[in-house]
Amino acid sequence: AMSKNDFAHAVCNRRPPFDNVDFSHFSKIFDMLREILN
């Protein structure tokens, strides 16, 4: 099992095979942040 911390570091550092992760699902978080900002 990979720790959540190791997963986050692999994604953040784009270590293969985490070098082409799809971040599109995070858009709802940023939409909410825009709403808070507004």
PDB file of all heavy atoms in Angstrom:
ATOM      1  N   ALA A   1       0.854  -1.193   0.000  1.00  0.00           N
ATOM      2  CA  ALA A   1       0.000   0.000   0.000  1.00  0.00           C
ATOM      3  C   ALA A   1       0.886   1.238   0.000  1.00  0.00           C
ATOM      4  O   ALA A   1       1.884   1.308   0.716  1.00  0.00           O
ATOM      5  CB  ALA A   1      -0.921   0.007   1.218  1.00  0.00           C
ATOM      6  N   MET A   2       0.512   2.192  -0.803  1.00  0.00           N
ATOM      7  CA  MET A   2       1.226   3.463  -0.888  1.00  0.00           C
ATOM      8  C   MET A   2       0.586   4.430   0.107  1.00  0.00           C
ATOM      9  O   MET A   2      -0.641   4.510   0.189  1.00  0.00           O
ATOM     10  CB  MET A   2       1.095   3.996  -2.316  1.00  0.00           C
ATOM     11  CG  MET A   2       1.775   5.300  -2.578  1.00  0.00           C
ATOM     12  SD  MET A   2       1.428   5.820  -4.280  1.00  0.00           S
ATOM     13  CE  MET A   2       3.066   6.226  -4.801  1.00  0.00           C
ATOM     14  N   SER A   3       1.370   5.142   0.858  1.00  0.00           N
ATOM     15  CA  SER A   3       0.801   6.113   1.793  1.00  0.00           C
ATOM     16  C   SER A   3       0.208   7.284   1.009  1.00  0.00           C
ATOM     17  O   SER A   3       0.626   7.586  -0.112  1.00  0.00           O
ATOM     18  CB  SER A   3       1.861   6.611   2.772  1.00  0.00           C
ATOM     19  OG  SER A   3       2.761   7.482   2.115  1.00  0.00           O
ATOM     20  N   LYS A   4      -0.760   7.937   1.610  1.00  0.00           N
ATOM     21  CA  LYS A   4      -1.345   9.128   0.980  1.00  0.00           C
ATOM     22  C   LYS A   4      -0.269  10.182   0.742  1.00  0.00           C
ATOM     23  O   LYS A   4      -0.280  10.871  -0.273  1.00  0.00           O
ATOM     24  CB  LYS A   4      -2.461   9.701   1.861  1.00  0.00           C
ATOM     25  CG  LYS A   4      -3.704   8.864   1.926  1.00  0.00           C
ATOM     26  CD  LYS A   4      -4.728   9.543   2.822  1.00  0.00           C
ATOM     27  CE  LYS A   4      -6.031   8.801   2.895  1.00  0.00           C
ATOM     28  NZ  LYS A   4      -7.026   9.537   3.688  1.00  0.00           N
ATOM     29  N   ASN A   5       0.631  10.306   1.682  1.00  0.00           N
ATOM     30  CA  ASN A   5       1.721  11.275   1.560  1.00  0.00           C
ATOM     31  C   ASN A   5       2.618  10.949   0.363  1.00  0.00           C
ATOM     32  O   ASN A   5       2.979  11.824  -0.417  1.00  0.00           O
ATOM     33  CB  ASN A   5       2.527  11.311   2.860  1.00  0.00           C
ATOM     34  CG  ASN A   5       3.366  12.549   2.989  1.00  0.00           C
ATOM     35  OD1 ASN A   5       2.981  13.621   2.524  1.00  0.00           O
ATOM     36  ND2 ASN A   5       4.518  12.423   3.614  1.00  0.00           N
ATOM     37  N   ASP A   6       2.972   9.675   0.204  1.00  0.00           N
ATOM     38  CA  ASP A   6       3.791   9.273  -0.942  1.00  0.00           C
ATOM     39  C   ASP A   6       3.042   9.485  -2.255  1.00  0.00           C
ATOM     40  O   ASP A   6       3.631   9.890  -3.258  1.00  0.00           O
ATOM     41  CB  ASP A   6       4.222   7.806  -0.821  1.00  0.00           C
ATOM     42  CG  ASP A   6       5.307   7.605   0.222  1.00  0.00           C
ATOM     43  OD1 ASP A   6       5.890   8.603   0.704  1.00  0.00           O
ATOM     44  OD2 ASP A   6       5.576   6.433   0.561  1.00  0.00           O
ATOM     45  N   PHE A   7       1.750   9.203  -2.240  1.00  0.00           N
ATOM     46  CA  PHE A   7       0.924   9.445  -3.440  1.00  0.00           C
ATOM     47  C   PHE A   7       0.964  10.931  -3.808  1.00  0.00           C
ATOM     48  O   PHE A   7       1.201  11.293  -4.959  1.00  0.00           O
ATOM     49  CB  PHE A   7      -0.521   8.986  -3.185  1.00  0.00           C
ATOM     50  CG  PHE A   7      -1.471   9.298  -4.301  1.00  0.00           C
ATOM     51  CD1 PHE A   7      -1.543   8.488  -5.423  1.00  0.00           C
ATOM     52  CD2 PHE A   7      -2.314  10.404  -4.226  1.00  0.00           C
ATOM     53  CE1 PHE A   7      -2.426   8.766  -6.457  1.00  0.00           C
ATOM     54  CE2 PHE A   7      -3.195  10.698  -5.249  1.00  0.00           C
ATOM     55  CZ  PHE A   7      -3.253   9.875  -6.371  1.00  0.00           C
ATOM     56  N   ALA A   8       0.749  11.794  -2.809  1.00  0.00           N
ATOM     57  CA  ALA A   8       0.748  13.243  -3.057  1.00  0.00           C
ATOM     58  C   ALA A   8       2.096  13.712  -3.606  1.00  0.00           C
ATOM     59  O   ALA A   8       2.147  14.512  -4.542  1.00  0.00           O
ATOM     60  CB  ALA A   8       0.398  13.995  -1.781  1.00  0.00           C
ATOM     61  N   HIS A   9       3.183  13.219  -3.025  1.00  0.00           N
ATOM     62  CA  HIS A   9       4.516  13.607  -3.509  1.00  0.00           C
ATOM     63  C   HIS A   9       4.764  13.112  -4.931  1.00  0.00           C
ATOM     64  O   HIS A   9       5.357  13.825  -5.741  1.00  0.00           O
ATOM     65  CB  HIS A   9       5.606  13.099  -2.562  1.00  0.00           C
ATOM     66  CG  HIS A   9       5.719  13.906  -1.316  1.00  0.00           C
ATOM     67  ND1 HIS A   9       6.257  15.168  -1.284  1.00  0.00           N
ATOM     68  CD2 HIS A   9       5.335  13.631  -0.045  1.00  0.00           C
ATOM     69  CE1 HIS A   9       6.216  15.641  -0.053  1.00  0.00           C
ATOM     70  NE2 HIS A   9       5.645  14.734   0.715  1.00  0.00           N
ATOM     71  N   ALA A  10       4.320  11.900  -5.239  1.00  0.00           N
ATOM     72  CA  ALA A  10       4.501  11.354  -6.591  1.00  0.00           C
ATOM     73  C   ALA A  10       3.735  12.194  -7.614  1.00  0.00           C
ATOM     74  O   ALA A  10       4.252  12.511  -8.687  1.00  0.00           O
ATOM     75  CB  ALA A  10       4.053   9.894  -6.638  1.00  0.00           C
ATOM     76  N   VAL A  11       2.512  12.582  -7.263  1.00  0.00           N
ATOM     77  CA  VAL A  11       1.707  13.409  -8.165  1.00  0.00           C
ATOM     78  C   VAL A  11       2.330  14.792  -8.308  1.00  0.00           C
ATOM     79  O   VAL A  11       2.513  15.304  -9.418  1.00  0.00           O
ATOM     80  CB  VAL A  11       0.244  13.505  -7.673  1.00  0.00           C
ATOM     81  CG1 VAL A  11      -0.532  14.561  -8.455  1.00  0.00           C
ATOM     82  CG2 VAL A  11      -0.448  12.150  -7.766  1.00  0.00           C
ATOM     83  N   CYS A  12       2.676  15.395  -7.179  1.00  0.00           N
ATOM     84  CA  CYS A  12       3.243  16.753  -7.186  1.00  0.00           C
ATOM     85  C   CYS A  12       4.555  16.814  -7.964  1.00  0.00           C
ATOM     86  O   CYS A  12       4.802  17.769  -8.703  1.00  0.00           O
ATOM     87  CB  CYS A  12       3.440  17.217  -5.748  1.00  0.00           C
ATOM     88  SG  CYS A  12       3.996  18.917  -5.594  1.00  0.00           S
ATOM     89  N   ASN A  13       5.379  15.805  -7.804  1.00  0.00           N
ATOM     90  CA  ASN A  13       6.684  15.780  -8.460  1.00  0.00           C
ATOM     91  C   ASN A  13       6.643  15.120  -9.836  1.00  0.00           C
ATOM     92  O   ASN A  13       7.684  14.972 -10.471  1.00  0.00           O
ATOM     93  CB  ASN A  13       7.712  15.081  -7.567  1.00  0.00           C
ATOM     94  CG  ASN A  13       7.957  15.873  -6.306  1.00  0.00           C
ATOM     95  OD1 ASN A  13       8.087  17.084  -6.336  1.00  0.00           O
ATOM     96  ND2 ASN A  13       8.004  15.178  -5.178  1.00  0.00           N
ATOM     97  N   ARG A  14       5.449  14.700 -10.247  1.00  0.00           N
ATOM     98  CA  ARG A  14       5.230  14.084 -11.565  1.00  0.00           C
ATOM     99  C   ARG A  14       6.174  12.920 -11.833  1.00  0.00           C
ATOM    100  O   ARG A  14       6.715  12.771 -12.916  1.00  0.00           O
ATOM    101  CB  ARG A  14       5.323  15.128 -12.667  1.00  0.00           C
ATOM    102  CG  ARG A  14       4.267  16.182 -12.529  1.00  0.00           C
ATOM    103  CD  ARG A  14       4.425  17.264 -13.565  1.00  0.00           C
ATOM    104  NE  ARG A  14       3.463  18.323 -13.324  1.00  0.00           N
ATOM    105  CZ  ARG A  14       2.463  18.611 -14.137  1.00  0.00           C
ATOM    106  NH1 ARG A  14       2.297  17.957 -15.245  1.00  0.00           N
ATOM    107  NH2 ARG A  14       1.642  19.586 -13.835  1.00  0.00           N
ATOM    108  N   ARG A  15       6.338  12.101 -10.789  1.00  0.00           N
ATOM    109  CA  ARG A  15       7.162  10.905 -10.937  1.00  0.00           C
ATOM    110  C   ARG A  15       6.385   9.852 -11.719  1.00  0.00           C
ATOM    111  O   ARG A  15       5.249   9.533 -11.363  1.00  0.00           O
ATOM    112  CB  ARG A  15       7.521  10.329  -9.569  1.00  0.00           C
ATOM    113  CG  ARG A  15       8.782  10.962  -9.009  1.00  0.00           C
ATOM    114  CD  ARG A  15       9.140  10.311  -7.715  1.00  0.00           C
ATOM    115  NE  ARG A  15       8.549  11.171  -6.703  1.00  0.00           N
ATOM    116  CZ  ARG A  15       8.287  10.839  -5.464  1.00  0.00           C
ATOM    117  NH1 ARG A  15       8.548   9.658  -5.027  1.00  0.00           N
ATOM    118  NH2 ARG A  15       7.752  11.690  -4.624  1.00  0.00           N
ATOM    119  N   PRO A  16       6.973   9.312 -12.785  1.00  0.00           N
ATOM    120  CA  PRO A  16       6.273   8.271 -13.539  1.00  0.00           C
ATOM    121  C   PRO A  16       5.852   7.139 -12.607  1.00  0.00           C
ATOM    122  O   PRO A  16       6.602   6.785 -11.706  1.00  0.00           O
ATOM    123  CB  PRO A  16       7.315   7.800 -14.552  1.00  0.00           C
ATOM    124  CG  PRO A  16       8.237   8.978 -14.700  1.00  0.00           C
ATOM    125  CD  PRO A  16       8.276   9.636 -13.351  1.00  0.00           C
ATOM    126  N   PRO A  17       4.667   6.622 -12.775  1.00  0.00           N
ATOM    127  CA  PRO A  17       3.677   6.882 -13.821  1.00  0.00           C
ATOM    128  C   PRO A  17       2.687   7.994 -13.465  1.00  0.00           C
ATOM    129  O   PRO A  17       1.608   8.075 -14.033  1.00  0.00           O
ATOM    130  CB  PRO A  17       2.964   5.534 -13.927  1.00  0.00           C
ATOM    131  CG  PRO A  17       2.915   5.062 -12.503  1.00  0.00           C
ATOM    132  CD  PRO A  17       4.240   5.499 -11.907  1.00  0.00           C
ATOM    133  N   PHE A  18       3.032   8.852 -12.523  1.00  0.00           N
ATOM    134  CA  PHE A  18       2.137   9.934 -12.085  1.00  0.00           C
ATOM    135  C   PHE A  18       2.424  11.237 -12.830  1.00  0.00           C
ATOM    136  O   PHE A  18       2.069  12.316 -12.366  1.00  0.00           O
ATOM    137  CB  PHE A  18       2.276  10.143 -10.569  1.00  0.00           C
ATOM    138  CG  PHE A  18       1.912   8.923  -9.773  1.00  0.00           C
ATOM    139  CD1 PHE A  18       2.884   8.026  -9.366  1.00  0.00           C
ATOM    140  CD2 PHE A  18       0.597   8.652  -9.452  1.00  0.00           C
ATOM    141  CE1 PHE A  18       2.566   6.889  -8.642  1.00  0.00           C
ATOM    142  CE2 PHE A  18       0.254   7.518  -8.737  1.00  0.00           C
ATOM    143  CZ  PHE A  18       1.248   6.631  -8.331  1.00  0.00           C
ATOM    144  N   ASP A  19       3.071  11.133 -13.977  1.00  0.00           N
ATOM    145  CA  ASP A  19       3.471  12.324 -14.726  1.00  0.00           C
ATOM    146  C   ASP A  19       2.392  12.846 -15.668  1.00  0.00           C
ATOM    147  O   ASP A  19       2.558  13.905 -16.264  1.00  0.00           O
ATOM    148  CB  ASP A  19       4.769  12.060 -15.501  1.00  0.00           C
ATOM    149  CG  ASP A  19       4.725  10.790 -16.326  1.00  0.00           C
ATOM    150  OD1 ASP A  19       3.797   9.968 -16.151  1.00  0.00           O
ATOM    151  OD2 ASP A  19       5.646  10.612 -17.151  1.00  0.00           O
ATOM    152  N   ASN A  20       1.273  12.152 -15.773  1.00  0.00           N
ATOM    153  CA  ASN A  20       0.191  12.630 -16.642  1.00  0.00           C
ATOM    154  C   ASN A  20      -1.175  12.474 -15.969  1.00  0.00           C
ATOM    155  O   ASN A  20      -2.149  12.062 -16.592  1.00  0.00           O
ATOM    156  CB  ASN A  20       0.221  11.898 -17.985  1.00  0.00           C
ATOM    157  CG  ASN A  20       0.005  10.400 -17.829  1.00  0.00           C
ATOM    158  OD1 ASN A  20       0.057   9.860 -16.728  1.00  0.00           O
ATOM    159  ND2 ASN A  20      -0.241   9.727 -18.938  1.00  0.00           N
ATOM    160  N   VAL A  21      -1.252  12.824 -14.706  1.00  0.00           N
ATOM    161  CA  VAL A  21      -2.487  12.728 -13.927  1.00  0.00           C
ATOM    162  C   VAL A  21      -3.488  13.772 -14.418  1.00  0.00           C
ATOM    163  O   VAL A  21      -3.130  14.904 -14.732  1.00  0.00           O
ATOM    164  CB  VAL A  21      -2.174  12.917 -12.423  1.00  0.00           C
ATOM    165  CG1 VAL A  21      -3.430  13.083 -11.603  1.00  0.00           C
ATOM    166  CG2 VAL A  21      -1.348  11.757 -11.910  1.00  0.00           C
ATOM    167  N   ASP A  22      -4.754  13.381 -14.459  1.00  0.00           N
ATOM    168  CA  ASP A  22      -5.845  14.263 -14.879  1.00  0.00           C
ATOM    169  C   ASP A  22      -6.345  15.066 -13.667  1.00  0.00           C
ATOM    170  O   ASP A  22      -6.845  14.486 -12.701  1.00  0.00           O
ATOM    171  CB  ASP A  22      -6.978  13.407 -15.454  1.00  0.00           C
ATOM    172  CG  ASP A  22      -8.203  14.208 -15.826  1.00  0.00           C
ATOM    173  OD1 ASP A  22      -8.136  15.451 -15.888  1.00  0.00           O
ATOM    174  OD2 ASP A  22      -9.257  13.576 -16.067  1.00  0.00           O
ATOM    175  N   PHE A  23      -6.214  16.374 -13.742  1.00  0.00           N
ATOM    176  CA  PHE A  23      -6.647  17.242 -12.637  1.00  0.00           C
ATOM    177  C   PHE A  23      -8.002  17.896 -12.888  1.00  0.00           C
ATOM    178  O   PHE A  23      -8.443  18.731 -12.105  1.00  0.00           O
ATOM    179  CB  PHE A  23      -5.597  18.335 -12.375  1.00  0.00           C
ATOM    180  CG  PHE A  23      -4.287  17.794 -11.896  1.00  0.00           C
ATOM    181  CD1 PHE A  23      -3.199  17.722 -12.743  1.00  0.00           C
ATOM    182  CD2 PHE A  23      -4.143  17.345 -10.598  1.00  0.00           C
ATOM    183  CE1 PHE A  23      -1.986  17.217 -12.307  1.00  0.00           C
ATOM    184  CE2 PHE A  23      -2.932  16.840 -10.146  1.00  0.00           C
ATOM    185  CZ  PHE A  23      -1.853  16.771 -11.005  1.00  0.00           C
ATOM    186  N   SER A  24      -8.674  17.524 -13.955  1.00  0.00           N
ATOM    187  CA  SER A  24      -9.929  18.197 -14.314  1.00  0.00           C
ATOM    188  C   SER A  24     -11.005  18.055 -13.240  1.00  0.00           C
ATOM    189  O   SER A  24     -11.864  18.926 -13.113  1.00  0.00           O
ATOM    190  CB  SER A  24     -10.445  17.683 -15.657  1.00  0.00           C
ATOM    191  OG  SER A  24     -10.795  16.312 -15.577  1.00  0.00           O
ATOM    192  N   HIS A  25     -10.973  16.977 -12.460  1.00  0.00           N
ATOM    193  CA  HIS A  25     -11.999  16.773 -11.431  1.00  0.00           C
ATOM    194  C   HIS A  25     -11.866  17.760 -10.267  1.00  0.00           C
ATOM    195  O   HIS A  25     -12.776  17.860  -9.447  1.00  0.00           O
ATOM    196  CB  HIS A  25     -11.942  15.337 -10.911  1.00  0.00           C
ATOM    197  CG  HIS A  25     -12.169  14.315 -11.975  1.00  0.00           C
ATOM    198  ND1 HIS A  25     -13.354  14.187 -12.656  1.00  0.00           N
ATOM    199  CD2 HIS A  25     -11.332  13.383 -12.506  1.00  0.00           C
ATOM    200  CE1 HIS A  25     -13.262  13.219 -13.536  1.00  0.00           C
ATOM    201  NE2 HIS A  25     -12.040  12.715 -13.472  1.00  0.00           N
ATOM    202  N   PHE A  26     -10.767  18.471 -10.204  1.00  0.00           N
ATOM    203  CA  PHE A  26     -10.579  19.464  -9.147  1.00  0.00           C
ATOM    204  C   PHE A  26     -11.292  20.780  -9.461  1.00  0.00           C
ATOM    205  O   PHE A  26     -11.319  21.687  -8.638  1.00  0.00           O
ATOM    206  CB  PHE A  26      -9.083  19.720  -8.914  1.00  0.00           C
ATOM    207  CG  PHE A  26      -8.403  18.616  -8.160  1.00  0.00           C
ATOM    208  CD1 PHE A  26      -8.020  17.449  -8.804  1.00  0.00           C
ATOM    209  CD2 PHE A  26      -8.166  18.727  -6.805  1.00  0.00           C
ATOM    210  CE1 PHE A  26      -7.404  16.418  -8.124  1.00  0.00           C
ATOM    211  CE2 PHE A  26      -7.553  17.696  -6.101  1.00  0.00           C
ATOM    212  CZ  PHE A  26      -7.169  16.528  -6.763  1.00  0.00           C
ATOM    213  N   SER A  27     -11.883  20.894 -10.634  1.00  0.00           N
ATOM    214  CA  SER A  27     -12.508  22.154 -11.042  1.00  0.00           C
ATOM    215  C   SER A  27     -13.618  22.583 -10.089  1.00  0.00           C
ATOM    216  O   SER A  27     -13.790  23.781  -9.845  1.00  0.00           O
ATOM    217  CB  SER A  27     -13.031  22.062 -12.475  1.00  0.00           C
ATOM    218  OG  SER A  27     -14.047  21.079 -12.569  1.00  0.00           O
ATOM    219  N   LYS A  28     -14.376  21.642  -9.522  1.00  0.00           N
ATOM    220  CA  LYS A  28     -15.453  22.018  -8.593  1.00  0.00           C
ATOM    221  C   LYS A  28     -14.898  22.690  -7.332  1.00  0.00           C
ATOM    222  O   LYS A  28     -15.535  23.561  -6.756  1.00  0.00           O
ATOM    223  CB  LYS A  28     -16.290  20.801  -8.222  1.00  0.00           C
ATOM    224  CG  LYS A  28     -17.252  20.402  -9.306  1.00  0.00           C
ATOM    225  CD  LYS A  28     -18.280  19.432  -8.770  1.00  0.00           C
ATOM    226  CE  LYS A  28     -19.361  19.242  -9.802  1.00  0.00           C
ATOM    227  NZ  LYS A  28     -20.472  18.454  -9.277  1.00  0.00           N
ATOM    228  N   ILE A  29     -13.716  22.281  -6.914  1.00  0.00           N
ATOM    229  CA  ILE A  29     -13.092  22.922  -5.754  1.00  0.00           C
ATOM    230  C   ILE A  29     -12.766  24.372  -6.098  1.00  0.00           C
ATOM    231  O   ILE A  29     -13.062  25.291  -5.328  1.00  0.00           O
ATOM    232  CB  ILE A  29     -11.826  22.169  -5.312  1.00  0.00           C
ATOM    233  CG1 ILE A  29     -12.179  20.762  -4.833  1.00  0.00           C
ATOM    234  CG2 ILE A  29     -11.092  22.945  -4.211  1.00  0.00           C
ATOM    235  CD1 ILE A  29     -10.975  19.878  -4.566  1.00  0.00           C
ATOM    236  N   PHE A  30     -12.195  24.593  -7.280  1.00  0.00           N
ATOM    237  CA  PHE A  30     -11.840  25.949  -7.673  1.00  0.00           C
ATOM    238  C   PHE A  30     -13.082  26.794  -7.957  1.00  0.00           C
ATOM    239  O   PHE A  30     -13.082  28.000  -7.685  1.00  0.00           O
ATOM    240  CB  PHE A  30     -10.860  25.931  -8.848  1.00  0.00           C
ATOM    241  CG  PHE A  30      -9.494  25.463  -8.420  1.00  0.00           C
ATOM    242  CD1 PHE A  30      -9.095  24.149  -8.649  1.00  0.00           C
ATOM    243  CD2 PHE A  30      -8.641  26.310  -7.744  1.00  0.00           C
ATOM    244  CE1 PHE A  30      -7.856  23.711  -8.215  1.00  0.00           C
ATOM    245  CE2 PHE A  30      -7.395  25.880  -7.311  1.00  0.00           C
ATOM    246  CZ  PHE A  30      -6.999  24.572  -7.546  1.00  0.00           C
ATOM    247  N   ASP A  31     -14.152  26.180  -8.460  1.00  0.00           N
ATOM    248  CA  ASP A  31     -15.415  26.912  -8.626  1.00  0.00           C
ATOM    249  C   ASP A  31     -15.930  27.380  -7.270  1.00  0.00           C
ATOM    250  O   ASP A  31     -16.394  28.516  -7.127  1.00  0.00           O
ATOM    251  CB  ASP A  31     -16.471  26.025  -9.299  1.00  0.00           C
ATOM    252  CG  ASP A  31     -16.170  25.737 -10.760  1.00  0.00           C
ATOM    253  OD1 ASP A  31     -15.334  26.450 -11.365  1.00  0.00           O
ATOM    254  OD2 ASP A  31     -16.773  24.781 -11.297  1.00  0.00           O
ATOM    255  N   MET A  32     -15.842  26.518  -6.263  1.00  0.00           N
ATOM    256  CA  MET A  32     -16.271  26.890  -4.920  1.00  0.00           C
ATOM    257  C   MET A  32     -15.391  28.019  -4.371  1.00  0.00           C
ATOM    258  O   MET A  32     -15.888  28.970  -3.766  1.00  0.00           O
ATOM    259  CB  MET A  32     -16.225  25.688  -3.986  1.00  0.00           C
ATOM    260  CG  MET A  32     -16.653  26.019  -2.548  1.00  0.00           C
ATOM    261  SD  MET A  32     -16.545  24.615  -1.427  1.00  0.00           S
ATOM    262  CE  MET A  32     -14.792  24.295  -1.417  1.00  0.00           C
ATOM    263  N   LEU A  33     -14.090  27.942  -4.594  1.00  0.00           N
ATOM    264  CA  LEU A  33     -13.194  29.000  -4.134  1.00  0.00           C
ATOM    265  C   LEU A  33     -13.521  30.332  -4.810  1.00  0.00           C
ATOM    266  O   LEU A  33     -13.490  31.387  -4.160  1.00  0.00           O
ATOM    267  CB  LEU A  33     -11.735  28.611  -4.370  1.00  0.00           C
ATOM    268  CG  LEU A  33     -11.219  27.444  -3.537  1.00  0.00           C
ATOM    269  CD1 LEU A  33      -9.814  27.053  -3.962  1.00  0.00           C
ATOM    270  CD2 LEU A  33     -11.279  27.746  -2.049  1.00  0.00           C
ATOM    271  N   ARG A  34     -13.873  30.283  -6.100  1.00  0.00           N
ATOM    272  CA  ARG A  34     -14.297  31.515  -6.794  1.00  0.00           C
ATOM    273  C   ARG A  34     -15.565  32.084  -6.168  1.00  0.00           C
ATOM    274  O   ARG A  34     -15.702  33.287  -6.000  1.00  0.00           O
ATOM    275  CB  ARG A  34     -14.534  31.239  -8.283  1.00  0.00           C
ATOM    276  CG  ARG A  34     -13.299  31.287  -9.112  1.00  0.00           C
ATOM    277  CD  ARG A  34     -13.623  31.196 -10.615  1.00  0.00           C
ATOM    278  NE  ARG A  34     -12.544  30.538 -11.284  1.00  0.00           N
ATOM    279  CZ  ARG A  34     -12.433  29.230 -11.519  1.00  0.00           C
ATOM    280  NH1 ARG A  34     -13.397  28.422 -11.167  1.00  0.00           N
ATOM    281  NH2 ARG A  34     -11.388  28.736 -12.126  1.00  0.00           N
ATOM    282  N   GLU A  35     -16.496  31.193  -5.834  1.00  0.00           N
ATOM    283  CA  GLU A  35     -17.736  31.637  -5.198  1.00  0.00           C
ATOM    284  C   GLU A  35     -17.443  32.292  -3.849  1.00  0.00           C
ATOM    285  O   GLU A  35     -18.007  33.338  -3.513  1.00  0.00           O
ATOM    286  CB  GLU A  35     -18.682  30.447  -5.014  1.00  0.00           C
ATOM    287  CG  GLU A  35     -20.037  30.839  -4.465  1.00  0.00           C
ATOM    288  CD  GLU A  35     -20.974  29.632  -4.348  1.00  0.00           C
ATOM    289  OE1 GLU A  35     -20.901  28.721  -5.178  1.00  0.00           O
ATOM    290  OE2 GLU A  35     -21.776  29.646  -3.388  1.00  0.00           O
ATOM    291  N   ILE A  36     -16.560  31.695  -3.078  1.00  0.00           N
ATOM    292  CA  ILE A  36     -16.165  32.287  -1.787  1.00  0.00           C
ATOM    293  C   ILE A  36     -15.528  33.645  -2.026  1.00  0.00           C
ATOM    294  O   ILE A  36     -15.840  34.626  -1.339  1.00  0.00           O
ATOM    295  CB  ILE A  36     -15.214  31.355  -1.024  1.00  0.00           C
ATOM    296  CG1 ILE A  36     -15.968  30.108  -0.536  1.00  0.00           C
ATOM    297  CG2 ILE A  36     -14.559  32.064   0.147  1.00  0.00           C
ATOM    298  CD1 ILE A  36     -15.089  29.020   0.049  1.00  0.00           C
ATOM    299  N   LEU A  37     -14.649  33.739  -2.993  1.00  0.00           N
ATOM    300  CA  LEU A  37     -13.995  35.003  -3.317  1.00  0.00           C
ATOM    301  C   LEU A  37     -15.014  36.064  -3.715  1.00  0.00           C
ATOM    302  O   LEU A  37     -14.933  37.220  -3.270  1.00  0.00           O
ATOM    303  CB  LEU A  37     -12.951  34.813  -4.427  1.00  0.00           C
ATOM    304  CG  LEU A  37     -12.125  36.021  -4.788  1.00  0.00           C
ATOM    305  CD1 LEU A  37     -11.340  36.529  -3.590  1.00  0.00           C
ATOM    306  CD2 LEU A  37     -11.175  35.675  -5.934  1.00  0.00           C
ATOM    307  N   ASN A  38     -16.006  35.679  -4.506  1.00  0.00           N
ATOM    308  CA  ASN A  38     -17.052  36.623  -4.905  1.00  0.00           C
ATOM    309  C   ASN A  38     -17.894  37.071  -3.713  1.00  0.00           C
ATOM    310  O   ASN A  38     -18.346  38.208  -3.654  1.00  0.00           O
ATOM    311  CB  ASN A  38     -17.940  36.017  -5.994  1.00  0.00           C
ATOM    312  CG  ASN A  38     -17.227  35.889  -7.310  1.00  0.00           C
ATOM    313  OD1 ASN A  38     -16.253  36.592  -7.588  1.00  0.00           O
ATOM    314  ND2 ASN A  38     -17.679  34.965  -8.139  1.00  0.00           N
TER     315      ASN A  38
END
